[in-house]
Amino acid sequence: MENNSTSHTREALVKDISALKRDVVQVAQDVKHHAEAHVDATKQHINKKVQAARDAMSAQPLALIGIGFLLGFILASRRR
């Protein structure tokens, strides 16, 4: 009788471990998909900002040069 109880407990344990492994794999896949969605959204946001900066530089290159000189002057004057 004790042997039957032990084998039944072992079978239940094997089933529980198998279910746990499936759950862990499912959670890992869910986290991966969630992270990929965030990474894709971040890439799109950065690409939009970079494109907007390129458009602004193309539209007014002299203003950009002036801003660069102004920032250089401010940084150089703070070092003294």
N, C-alpha and C. Protein backbone atom coordinates (compact mmCIF):
# COMPACT_ATOMS: atom_id res chain seq x y z
N MET A 1 0.82 -1.19 0.00
CA MET A 1 0.00 0.00 0.00
C MET A 1 0.86 1.26 0.00
N GLU A 2 1.95 1.20 0.78
CA GLU A 2 2.83 2.35 0.86
C GLU A 2 3.51 2.61 -0.49
N ASN A 3 3.86 1.56 -1.20
CA ASN A 3 4.49 1.67 -2.51
C ASN A 3 3.54 2.35 -3.50
N ASN A 4 2.27 2.00 -3.47
CA ASN A 4 1.27 2.59 -4.36
C ASN A 4 1.11 4.07 -4.05
N SER A 5 1.11 4.43 -2.78
CA SER A 5 0.99 5.82 -2.37
C SER A 5 2.20 6.62 -2.83
N THR A 6 3.38 6.02 -2.72
CA THR A 6 4.60 6.69 -3.14
C THR A 6 4.62 6.92 -4.64
N SER A 7 4.20 5.92 -5.41
CA SER A 7 4.19 6.08 -6.87
C SER A 7 3.15 7.11 -7.29
N HIS A 8 2.01 7.13 -6.58
CA HIS A 8 0.98 8.13 -6.89
C HIS A 8 1.49 9.55 -6.60
N THR A 9 2.19 9.69 -5.47
CA THR A 9 2.77 10.99 -5.10
C THR A 9 3.82 11.39 -6.11
N ARG A 10 4.63 10.43 -6.56
CA ARG A 10 5.67 10.73 -7.54
C ARG A 10 5.04 11.18 -8.85
N GLU A 11 4.00 10.51 -9.30
CA GLU A 11 3.31 10.90 -10.54
C GLU A 11 2.73 12.31 -10.42
N ALA A 12 2.14 12.60 -9.28
CA ALA A 12 1.59 13.94 -9.06
C ALA A 12 2.70 14.98 -9.08
N LEU A 13 3.83 14.65 -8.49
CA LEU A 13 4.97 15.56 -8.47
C LEU A 13 5.50 15.80 -9.88
N VAL A 14 5.61 14.76 -10.67
CA VAL A 14 6.08 14.88 -12.06
C VAL A 14 5.12 15.76 -12.86
N LYS A 15 3.82 15.58 -12.66
CA LYS A 15 2.83 16.40 -13.36
C LYS A 15 2.94 17.86 -12.94
N ASP A 16 3.14 18.10 -11.63
CA ASP A 16 3.27 19.46 -11.13
C ASP A 16 4.52 20.13 -11.69
N ILE A 17 5.61 19.39 -11.74
CA ILE A 17 6.86 19.94 -12.28
C ILE A 17 6.69 20.26 -13.77
N SER A 18 6.03 19.38 -14.48
CA SER A 18 5.79 19.62 -15.91
C SER A 18 4.93 20.86 -16.11
N ALA A 19 3.90 21.01 -15.31
CA ALA A 19 3.05 22.20 -15.41
C ALA A 19 3.83 23.46 -15.06
N LEU A 20 4.68 23.37 -14.05
CA LEU A 20 5.50 24.51 -13.65
C LEU A 20 6.46 24.92 -14.77
N LYS A 21 7.06 23.95 -15.42
CA LYS A 21 7.96 24.24 -16.54
C LYS A 21 7.21 24.94 -17.67
N ARG A 22 6.00 24.47 -17.98
CA ARG A 22 5.19 25.11 -19.03
C ARG A 22 4.88 26.56 -18.64
N ASP A 23 4.53 26.76 -17.36
CA ASP A 23 4.20 28.11 -16.90
C ASP A 23 5.41 29.04 -16.99
N VAL A 24 6.57 28.52 -16.62
CA VAL A 24 7.79 29.34 -16.67
C VAL A 24 8.11 29.72 -18.12
N VAL A 25 7.97 28.80 -19.04
CA VAL A 25 8.22 29.08 -20.45
C VAL A 25 7.23 30.13 -20.96
N GLN A 26 5.97 30.00 -20.56
CA GLN A 26 4.95 30.96 -20.99
C GLN A 26 5.23 32.35 -20.45
N VAL A 27 5.63 32.44 -19.19
CA VAL A 27 5.96 33.74 -18.60
C VAL A 27 7.16 34.34 -19.31
N ALA A 28 8.16 33.55 -19.60
CA ALA A 28 9.34 34.06 -20.31
C ALA A 28 8.97 34.58 -21.69
N GLN A 29 8.10 33.87 -22.39
CA GLN A 29 7.67 34.33 -23.71
C GLN A 29 6.87 35.62 -23.60
N ASP A 30 6.02 35.72 -22.60
CA ASP A 30 5.23 36.94 -22.41
C ASP A 30 6.14 38.14 -22.12
N VAL A 31 7.13 37.93 -21.26
CA VAL A 31 8.07 39.01 -20.95
C VAL A 31 8.84 39.41 -22.19
N LYS A 32 9.25 38.44 -22.98
CA LYS A 32 10.00 38.73 -24.21
C LYS A 32 9.16 39.56 -25.17
N HIS A 33 7.90 39.19 -25.36
CA HIS A 33 7.03 39.94 -26.28
C HIS A 33 6.78 41.35 -25.75
N HIS A 34 6.59 41.46 -24.45
CA HIS A 34 6.36 42.78 -23.85
C HIS A 34 7.59 43.67 -24.02
N ALA A 35 8.77 43.11 -23.78
CA ALA A 35 10.01 43.88 -23.93
C ALA A 35 10.24 44.27 -25.39
N GLU A 36 9.96 43.36 -26.31
CA GLU A 36 10.12 43.68 -27.73
C GLU A 36 9.20 44.82 -28.14
N ALA A 37 7.98 44.83 -27.62
CA ALA A 37 7.05 45.91 -27.94
C ALA A 37 7.58 47.25 -27.43
N HIS A 38 8.14 47.25 -26.22
CA HIS A 38 8.70 48.50 -25.68
C HIS A 38 9.92 48.95 -26.47
N VAL A 39 10.77 48.02 -26.84
CA VAL A 39 11.96 48.36 -27.62
C VAL A 39 11.56 48.93 -28.98
N ASP A 40 10.58 48.32 -29.63
CA ASP A 40 10.12 48.82 -30.93
C ASP A 40 9.53 50.22 -30.80
N ALA A 41 8.74 50.45 -29.75
CA ALA A 41 8.14 51.77 -29.54
C ALA A 41 9.23 52.81 -29.28
N THR A 42 10.24 52.44 -28.51
CA THR A 42 11.34 53.35 -28.22
C THR A 42 12.13 53.66 -29.49
N LYS A 43 12.39 52.65 -30.30
CA LYS A 43 13.11 52.88 -31.56
C LYS A 43 12.34 53.82 -32.47
N GLN A 44 11.03 53.64 -32.56
CA GLN A 44 10.21 54.52 -33.40
C GLN A 44 10.25 55.95 -32.87
N HIS A 45 10.18 56.10 -31.56
CA HIS A 45 10.21 57.44 -30.96
C HIS A 45 11.55 58.12 -31.24
N ILE A 46 12.64 57.39 -31.07
CA ILE A 46 13.97 57.95 -31.32
C ILE A 46 14.14 58.29 -32.80
N ASN A 47 13.68 57.42 -33.68
CA ASN A 47 13.79 57.69 -35.12
C ASN A 47 13.02 58.94 -35.51
N LYS A 48 11.85 59.15 -34.90
CA LYS A 48 11.07 60.37 -35.18
C LYS A 48 11.83 61.61 -34.73
N LYS A 49 12.43 61.54 -33.53
CA LYS A 49 13.20 62.69 -33.01
C LYS A 49 14.42 62.97 -33.88
N VAL A 50 15.11 61.92 -34.29
CA VAL A 50 16.30 62.10 -35.14
C VAL A 50 15.90 62.70 -36.48
N GLN A 51 14.80 62.23 -37.05
CA GLN A 51 14.34 62.77 -38.33
C GLN A 51 13.93 64.23 -38.19
N ALA A 52 13.28 64.56 -37.07
CA ALA A 52 12.89 65.96 -36.84
C ALA A 52 14.13 66.84 -36.70
N ALA A 53 15.16 66.35 -36.03
CA ALA A 53 16.40 67.11 -35.90
C ALA A 53 17.07 67.29 -37.25
N ARG A 54 17.08 66.24 -38.07
CA ARG A 54 17.67 66.36 -39.41
C ARG A 54 16.90 67.36 -40.27
N ASP A 55 15.59 67.32 -40.18
CA ASP A 55 14.78 68.27 -40.94
C ASP A 55 15.06 69.70 -40.50
N ALA A 56 15.19 69.90 -39.18
CA ALA A 56 15.47 71.24 -38.67
C ALA A 56 16.85 71.71 -39.11
N MET A 57 17.82 70.81 -39.13
CA MET A 57 19.17 71.18 -39.57
C MET A 57 19.19 71.51 -41.06
N SER A 58 18.41 70.78 -41.82
CA SER A 58 18.36 71.04 -43.26
C SER A 58 17.65 72.36 -43.56
N ALA A 59 16.65 72.68 -42.76
CA ALA A 59 15.86 73.89 -43.00
C ALA A 59 16.64 75.15 -42.64
N GLN A 60 17.40 75.11 -41.56
CA GLN A 60 18.10 76.32 -41.11
C GLN A 60 19.53 75.99 -40.68
N PRO A 61 20.41 75.75 -41.64
CA PRO A 61 21.78 75.38 -41.28
C PRO A 61 22.57 76.52 -40.63
N LEU A 62 22.31 77.76 -41.04
CA LEU A 62 23.04 78.88 -40.46
C LEU A 62 22.66 79.09 -38.99
N ALA A 63 21.41 78.91 -38.67
CA ALA A 63 20.98 79.03 -37.27
C ALA A 63 21.66 77.95 -36.43
N LEU A 64 21.80 76.77 -36.98
CA LEU A 64 22.46 75.68 -36.26
C LEU A 64 23.93 76.02 -36.02
N ILE A 65 24.58 76.59 -37.00
CA ILE A 65 25.98 76.99 -36.84
C ILE A 65 26.09 78.08 -35.77
N GLY A 66 25.16 79.02 -35.79
CA GLY A 66 25.15 80.09 -34.78
C GLY A 66 24.94 79.53 -33.38
N ILE A 67 24.07 78.58 -33.25
CA ILE A 67 23.84 77.96 -31.94
C ILE A 67 25.09 77.22 -31.48
N GLY A 68 25.76 76.56 -32.41
CA GLY A 68 27.00 75.87 -32.06
C GLY A 68 28.06 76.83 -31.58
N PHE A 69 28.22 77.95 -32.27
CA PHE A 69 29.19 78.96 -31.84
C PHE A 69 28.82 79.53 -30.47
N LEU A 70 27.55 79.79 -30.26
CA LEU A 70 27.09 80.33 -28.98
C LEU A 70 27.37 79.34 -27.84
N LEU A 71 27.05 78.08 -28.05
CA LEU A 71 27.33 77.07 -27.02
C LEU A 71 28.84 76.94 -26.77
N GLY A 72 29.62 76.98 -27.82
CA GLY A 72 31.08 76.92 -27.67
C GLY A 72 31.60 78.10 -26.89
N PHE A 73 31.07 79.29 -27.15
CA PHE A 73 31.49 80.49 -26.44
C PHE A 73 31.11 80.38 -24.96
N ILE A 74 29.91 79.91 -24.69
CA ILE A 74 29.47 79.79 -23.29
C ILE A 74 30.31 78.76 -22.55
N LEU A 75 30.56 77.63 -23.16
CA LEU A 75 31.37 76.60 -22.51
C LEU A 75 32.82 77.07 -22.32
N ALA A 76 33.35 77.76 -23.30
CA ALA A 76 34.73 78.24 -23.19
C ALA A 76 34.85 79.32 -22.12
N SER A 77 33.85 80.17 -22.00
CA SER A 77 33.92 81.23 -21.01
C SER A 77 33.74 80.69 -19.59
N ARG A 78 33.10 79.58 -19.41
CA ARG A 78 32.92 78.98 -18.08
C ARG A 78 34.19 78.29 -17.61
N ARG A 79 35.06 77.91 -18.51
CA ARG A 79 36.28 77.19 -18.15
C ARG A 79 37.33 78.14 -17.57
N ARG A 80 37.19 79.39 -17.84
CA ARG A 80 38.22 80.36 -17.37
C ARG A 80 38.04 80.71 -15.94
